[in-house]
Amino acid sequence: MAASAANGVGGNALGLDPKKGVYLAYAEVVEWFGSEHDEAAAGLYDHFNYMGDAAGFQAVYPGYGAANEAKLLSISRKYDPTRTFQTLLPRGFKIGA
């Protein structure tokens, strides 16, 4: 699995836990009336937004986990200290812009 392989070469920037198994990215809406299933569903949802499917208004980086988001921001600031790619390029998911 890519998440496991990434851990050996600098880390998994997406914050995916290989111990949870395979991750599938798909769009599905699950809802129910009442609260009878709330306890069973609690903790099943990972707040990960796949960047390729996320809408422009969605925040993708918080789903990577605070430590990974901070690491990506640090890398961005190291290699783009003048913030050229974060401020001058249109669209896309900017980190710390």
N, C-alpha and C. Protein backbone atom coordinates (compact mmCIF):
# COMPACT_ATOMS: atom_id res chain seq x y z
N MET A 1 0.84 -1.18 0.00
CA MET A 1 0.00 0.00 0.00
C MET A 1 0.89 1.24 0.00
N ALA A 2 0.49 2.24 -0.71
CA ALA A 2 1.29 3.45 -0.85
C ALA A 2 1.53 4.13 0.49
N ALA A 3 0.54 4.12 1.38
CA ALA A 3 0.71 4.77 2.69
C ALA A 3 1.82 4.10 3.48
N SER A 4 1.91 2.77 3.42
CA SER A 4 2.97 2.05 4.13
C SER A 4 4.33 2.34 3.52
N ALA A 5 4.41 2.34 2.19
CA ALA A 5 5.67 2.61 1.51
C ALA A 5 6.17 4.01 1.80
N ALA A 6 5.26 4.97 1.87
CA ALA A 6 5.65 6.36 2.12
C ALA A 6 6.26 6.53 3.49
N ASN A 7 5.83 5.75 4.45
CA ASN A 7 6.37 5.87 5.81
C ASN A 7 7.86 5.59 5.86
N GLY A 8 8.37 4.80 4.93
CA GLY A 8 9.79 4.48 4.92
C GLY A 8 10.67 5.51 4.22
N VAL A 9 10.07 6.46 3.53
CA VAL A 9 10.86 7.45 2.77
C VAL A 9 10.42 8.88 3.06
N GLY A 10 10.29 9.21 4.32
CA GLY A 10 9.98 10.59 4.67
C GLY A 10 8.61 10.82 5.25
N GLY A 11 7.76 9.85 5.17
CA GLY A 11 6.45 9.99 5.80
C GLY A 11 5.30 10.07 4.83
N ASN A 12 4.14 9.89 5.38
CA ASN A 12 2.90 9.88 4.64
C ASN A 12 2.23 11.23 4.81
N ALA A 13 2.38 12.12 3.85
CA ALA A 13 1.86 13.49 3.96
C ALA A 13 0.35 13.56 4.01
N LEU A 14 -0.33 12.53 3.54
CA LEU A 14 -1.79 12.56 3.52
C LEU A 14 -2.41 12.19 4.87
N GLY A 15 -1.63 11.67 5.78
CA GLY A 15 -2.16 11.32 7.09
C GLY A 15 -2.99 10.05 7.08
N LEU A 16 -2.87 9.23 6.05
CA LEU A 16 -3.62 7.99 5.98
C LEU A 16 -2.95 6.93 6.84
N ASP A 17 -3.74 6.20 7.60
CA ASP A 17 -3.22 5.19 8.52
C ASP A 17 -3.25 3.83 7.84
N PRO A 18 -2.09 3.26 7.49
CA PRO A 18 -2.08 1.97 6.80
C PRO A 18 -2.68 0.84 7.62
N LYS A 19 -2.74 1.00 8.94
CA LYS A 19 -3.33 -0.03 9.80
C LYS A 19 -4.84 -0.14 9.61
N LYS A 20 -5.45 0.90 9.03
CA LYS A 20 -6.89 0.87 8.79
C LYS A 20 -7.25 0.13 7.51
N GLY A 21 -6.24 -0.28 6.75
CA GLY A 21 -6.50 -1.01 5.52
C GLY A 21 -6.49 -0.12 4.30
N VAL A 22 -7.16 -0.57 3.26
CA VAL A 22 -7.19 0.12 1.98
C VAL A 22 -8.17 1.29 2.04
N TYR A 23 -7.78 2.41 1.48
CA TYR A 23 -8.66 3.57 1.38
C TYR A 23 -9.23 3.63 -0.03
N LEU A 24 -10.51 3.84 -0.11
CA LEU A 24 -11.18 4.04 -1.39
C LEU A 24 -11.72 5.46 -1.42
N ALA A 25 -11.52 6.15 -2.52
CA ALA A 25 -12.05 7.51 -2.65
C ALA A 25 -13.27 7.45 -3.57
N TYR A 26 -14.42 7.73 -3.00
CA TYR A 26 -15.65 7.77 -3.78
C TYR A 26 -16.62 8.73 -3.10
N ALA A 27 -17.58 9.19 -3.86
CA ALA A 27 -18.56 10.13 -3.32
C ALA A 27 -19.82 9.37 -2.94
N GLU A 28 -20.19 9.47 -1.69
CA GLU A 28 -21.39 8.80 -1.21
C GLU A 28 -21.99 9.64 -0.10
N VAL A 29 -23.29 9.71 -0.09
CA VAL A 29 -23.98 10.42 0.98
C VAL A 29 -24.72 9.39 1.82
N VAL A 30 -24.42 9.38 3.09
CA VAL A 30 -25.09 8.46 4.02
C VAL A 30 -25.77 9.30 5.07
N GLU A 31 -27.06 9.11 5.21
CA GLU A 31 -27.80 9.87 6.22
C GLU A 31 -28.95 9.03 6.75
N TRP A 32 -29.42 9.38 7.92
CA TRP A 32 -30.55 8.69 8.53
C TRP A 32 -31.29 9.66 9.43
N PHE A 33 -32.52 9.29 9.73
CA PHE A 33 -33.34 10.10 10.62
C PHE A 33 -33.21 9.57 12.03
N GLY A 34 -33.23 10.46 13.00
CA GLY A 34 -33.12 10.04 14.39
C GLY A 34 -31.68 9.82 14.79
N SER A 35 -31.51 9.36 15.99
CA SER A 35 -30.15 9.19 16.52
C SER A 35 -29.82 7.74 16.86
N GLU A 36 -30.66 6.81 16.44
CA GLU A 36 -30.47 5.41 16.83
C GLU A 36 -29.18 4.80 16.29
N HIS A 37 -28.65 5.31 15.19
CA HIS A 37 -27.43 4.74 14.60
C HIS A 37 -26.20 5.62 14.85
N ASP A 38 -26.36 6.71 15.55
CA ASP A 38 -25.24 7.64 15.77
C ASP A 38 -24.06 6.96 16.46
N GLU A 39 -24.33 6.18 17.48
CA GLU A 39 -23.25 5.54 18.25
C GLU A 39 -22.50 4.53 17.38
N ALA A 40 -23.22 3.76 16.58
CA ALA A 40 -22.58 2.76 15.72
C ALA A 40 -21.71 3.43 14.65
N ALA A 41 -22.12 4.59 14.18
CA ALA A 41 -21.38 5.28 13.12
C ALA A 41 -20.25 6.16 13.64
N ALA A 42 -20.26 6.45 14.93
CA ALA A 42 -19.24 7.34 15.51
C ALA A 42 -17.84 6.76 15.30
N GLY A 43 -16.94 7.58 14.82
CA GLY A 43 -15.55 7.18 14.64
C GLY A 43 -15.25 6.46 13.34
N LEU A 44 -16.25 6.23 12.50
CA LEU A 44 -16.02 5.52 11.24
C LEU A 44 -15.56 6.44 10.12
N TYR A 45 -15.81 7.71 10.27
CA TYR A 45 -15.53 8.67 9.20
C TYR A 45 -14.16 9.31 9.39
N ASP A 46 -13.33 9.25 8.34
CA ASP A 46 -12.06 9.96 8.33
C ASP A 46 -12.29 11.29 7.62
N HIS A 47 -11.82 12.37 8.19
CA HIS A 47 -12.01 13.70 7.61
C HIS A 47 -10.95 13.97 6.55
N PHE A 48 -10.87 13.10 5.58
CA PHE A 48 -9.91 13.21 4.49
C PHE A 48 -10.66 13.55 3.22
N ASN A 49 -10.30 14.63 2.58
CA ASN A 49 -10.87 15.01 1.28
C ASN A 49 -9.83 14.73 0.21
N TYR A 50 -10.14 13.85 -0.71
CA TYR A 50 -9.24 13.56 -1.82
C TYR A 50 -9.16 14.81 -2.70
N MET A 51 -7.97 15.35 -2.84
CA MET A 51 -7.78 16.61 -3.55
C MET A 51 -8.33 16.56 -4.98
N GLY A 52 -8.20 15.43 -5.62
CA GLY A 52 -8.68 15.30 -7.00
C GLY A 52 -10.18 15.41 -7.14
N ASP A 53 -10.92 15.15 -6.08
CA ASP A 53 -12.38 15.22 -6.11
C ASP A 53 -12.94 16.38 -5.31
N ALA A 54 -12.11 17.09 -4.56
CA ALA A 54 -12.60 18.16 -3.69
C ALA A 54 -13.02 19.37 -4.51
N ALA A 55 -14.03 20.05 -4.02
CA ALA A 55 -14.47 21.30 -4.64
C ALA A 55 -13.54 22.43 -4.18
N GLY A 56 -13.50 23.50 -4.93
CA GLY A 56 -12.61 24.61 -4.62
C GLY A 56 -12.83 25.23 -3.26
N PHE A 57 -14.04 25.12 -2.73
CA PHE A 57 -14.33 25.72 -1.42
C PHE A 57 -13.99 24.79 -0.26
N GLN A 58 -13.65 23.54 -0.54
CA GLN A 58 -13.36 22.59 0.52
C GLN A 58 -11.90 22.69 0.96
N ALA A 59 -11.68 22.56 2.25
CA ALA A 59 -10.33 22.58 2.81
C ALA A 59 -9.80 21.14 2.81
N VAL A 60 -8.78 20.87 2.03
CA VAL A 60 -8.26 19.51 1.95
C VAL A 60 -7.15 19.25 2.98
N TYR A 61 -6.35 20.24 3.28
CA TYR A 61 -5.19 20.01 4.14
C TYR A 61 -5.52 19.65 5.59
N PRO A 62 -6.55 20.20 6.22
CA PRO A 62 -6.85 19.80 7.60
C PRO A 62 -7.11 18.30 7.74
N GLY A 63 -7.62 17.65 6.71
CA GLY A 63 -7.85 16.22 6.76
C GLY A 63 -6.58 15.39 6.78
N TYR A 64 -5.45 16.01 6.48
CA TYR A 64 -4.16 15.32 6.51
C TYR A 64 -3.62 15.20 7.93
N GLY A 65 -4.23 15.91 8.87
CA GLY A 65 -3.74 15.95 10.24
C GLY A 65 -2.88 17.18 10.46
N ALA A 66 -2.91 17.71 11.66
CA ALA A 66 -2.21 18.97 11.97
C ALA A 66 -0.71 18.87 11.73
N ALA A 67 -0.10 17.76 12.12
CA ALA A 67 1.35 17.61 11.95
C ALA A 67 1.74 17.58 10.47
N ASN A 68 0.97 16.85 9.66
CA ASN A 68 1.26 16.78 8.22
C ASN A 68 1.02 18.11 7.53
N GLU A 69 -0.05 18.79 7.93
CA GLU A 69 -0.33 20.11 7.35
C GLU A 69 0.81 21.08 7.67
N ALA A 70 1.29 21.04 8.91
CA ALA A 70 2.40 21.92 9.31
C ALA A 70 3.68 21.57 8.54
N LYS A 71 3.93 20.28 8.32
CA LYS A 71 5.12 19.86 7.57
C LYS A 71 5.04 20.34 6.12
N LEU A 72 3.88 20.20 5.50
CA LEU A 72 3.71 20.67 4.13
C LEU A 72 3.87 22.18 4.03
N LEU A 73 3.35 22.90 5.01
CA LEU A 73 3.51 24.35 5.03
C LEU A 73 4.98 24.73 5.18
N SER A 74 5.70 24.00 6.03
CA SER A 74 7.12 24.25 6.23
C SER A 74 7.91 24.02 4.93
N ILE A 75 7.58 22.94 4.23
CA ILE A 75 8.24 22.64 2.96
C ILE A 75 7.93 23.73 1.94
N SER A 76 6.67 24.14 1.90
CA SER A 76 6.27 25.21 0.98
C SER A 76 7.04 26.49 1.25
N ARG A 77 7.17 26.84 2.51
CA ARG A 77 7.87 28.08 2.86
C ARG A 77 9.37 27.98 2.59
N LYS A 78 9.91 26.76 2.69
CA LYS A 78 11.34 26.57 2.43
C LYS A 78 11.65 26.73 0.94
N TYR A 79 10.85 26.10 0.08
CA TYR A 79 11.14 26.09 -1.35
C TYR A 79 10.46 27.20 -2.13
N ASP A 80 9.53 27.89 -1.50
CA ASP A 80 8.84 29.02 -2.15
C ASP A 80 8.73 30.17 -1.14
N PRO A 81 9.89 30.69 -0.70
CA PRO A 81 9.86 31.70 0.37
C PRO A 81 9.15 32.99 -0.02
N THR A 82 9.09 33.30 -1.30
CA THR A 82 8.40 34.53 -1.72
C THR A 82 6.92 34.27 -1.99
N ARG A 83 6.46 33.03 -1.78
CA ARG A 83 5.06 32.63 -1.91
C ARG A 83 4.53 32.77 -3.34
N THR A 84 5.42 32.69 -4.33
CA THR A 84 5.03 32.84 -5.73
C THR A 84 3.93 31.86 -6.12
N PHE A 85 4.15 30.58 -5.84
CA PHE A 85 3.19 29.56 -6.26
C PHE A 85 1.90 29.60 -5.44
N GLN A 86 1.97 30.13 -4.24
CA GLN A 86 0.79 30.20 -3.38
C GLN A 86 -0.07 31.43 -3.65
N THR A 87 0.49 32.44 -4.27
CA THR A 87 -0.26 33.68 -4.45
C THR A 87 -0.50 34.07 -5.91
N LEU A 88 0.43 33.76 -6.80
CA LEU A 88 0.29 34.22 -8.18
C LEU A 88 -0.40 33.22 -9.11
N LEU A 89 -0.34 31.95 -8.79
CA LEU A 89 -0.99 30.96 -9.65
C LEU A 89 -2.48 30.88 -9.33
N PRO A 90 -3.32 30.87 -10.36
CA PRO A 90 -4.76 30.80 -10.11
C PRO A 90 -5.20 29.40 -9.70
N ARG A 91 -6.26 29.34 -8.96
CA ARG A 91 -6.94 28.10 -8.57
C ARG A 91 -6.03 27.13 -7.84
N GLY A 92 -6.50 25.95 -7.66
CA GLY A 92 -5.75 24.93 -6.96
C GLY A 92 -5.88 25.08 -5.45
N PHE A 93 -5.33 24.13 -4.75
CA PHE A 93 -5.39 24.13 -3.29
C PHE A 93 -4.07 24.64 -2.74
N LYS A 94 -4.07 25.86 -2.31
CA LYS A 94 -2.87 26.51 -1.79
C LYS A 94 -2.75 26.20 -0.30
N ILE A 95 -1.53 26.05 0.16
CA ILE A 95 -1.33 25.81 1.58
C ILE A 95 -0.75 27.08 2.20
N GLY A 96 -1.43 27.58 3.18
CA GLY A 96 -0.97 28.77 3.88
C GLY A 96 -1.05 30.04 3.06
N ALA A 97 -1.85 30.04 2.00
CA ALA A 97 -1.95 31.23 1.14
C ALA A 97 -2.76 32.32 1.82
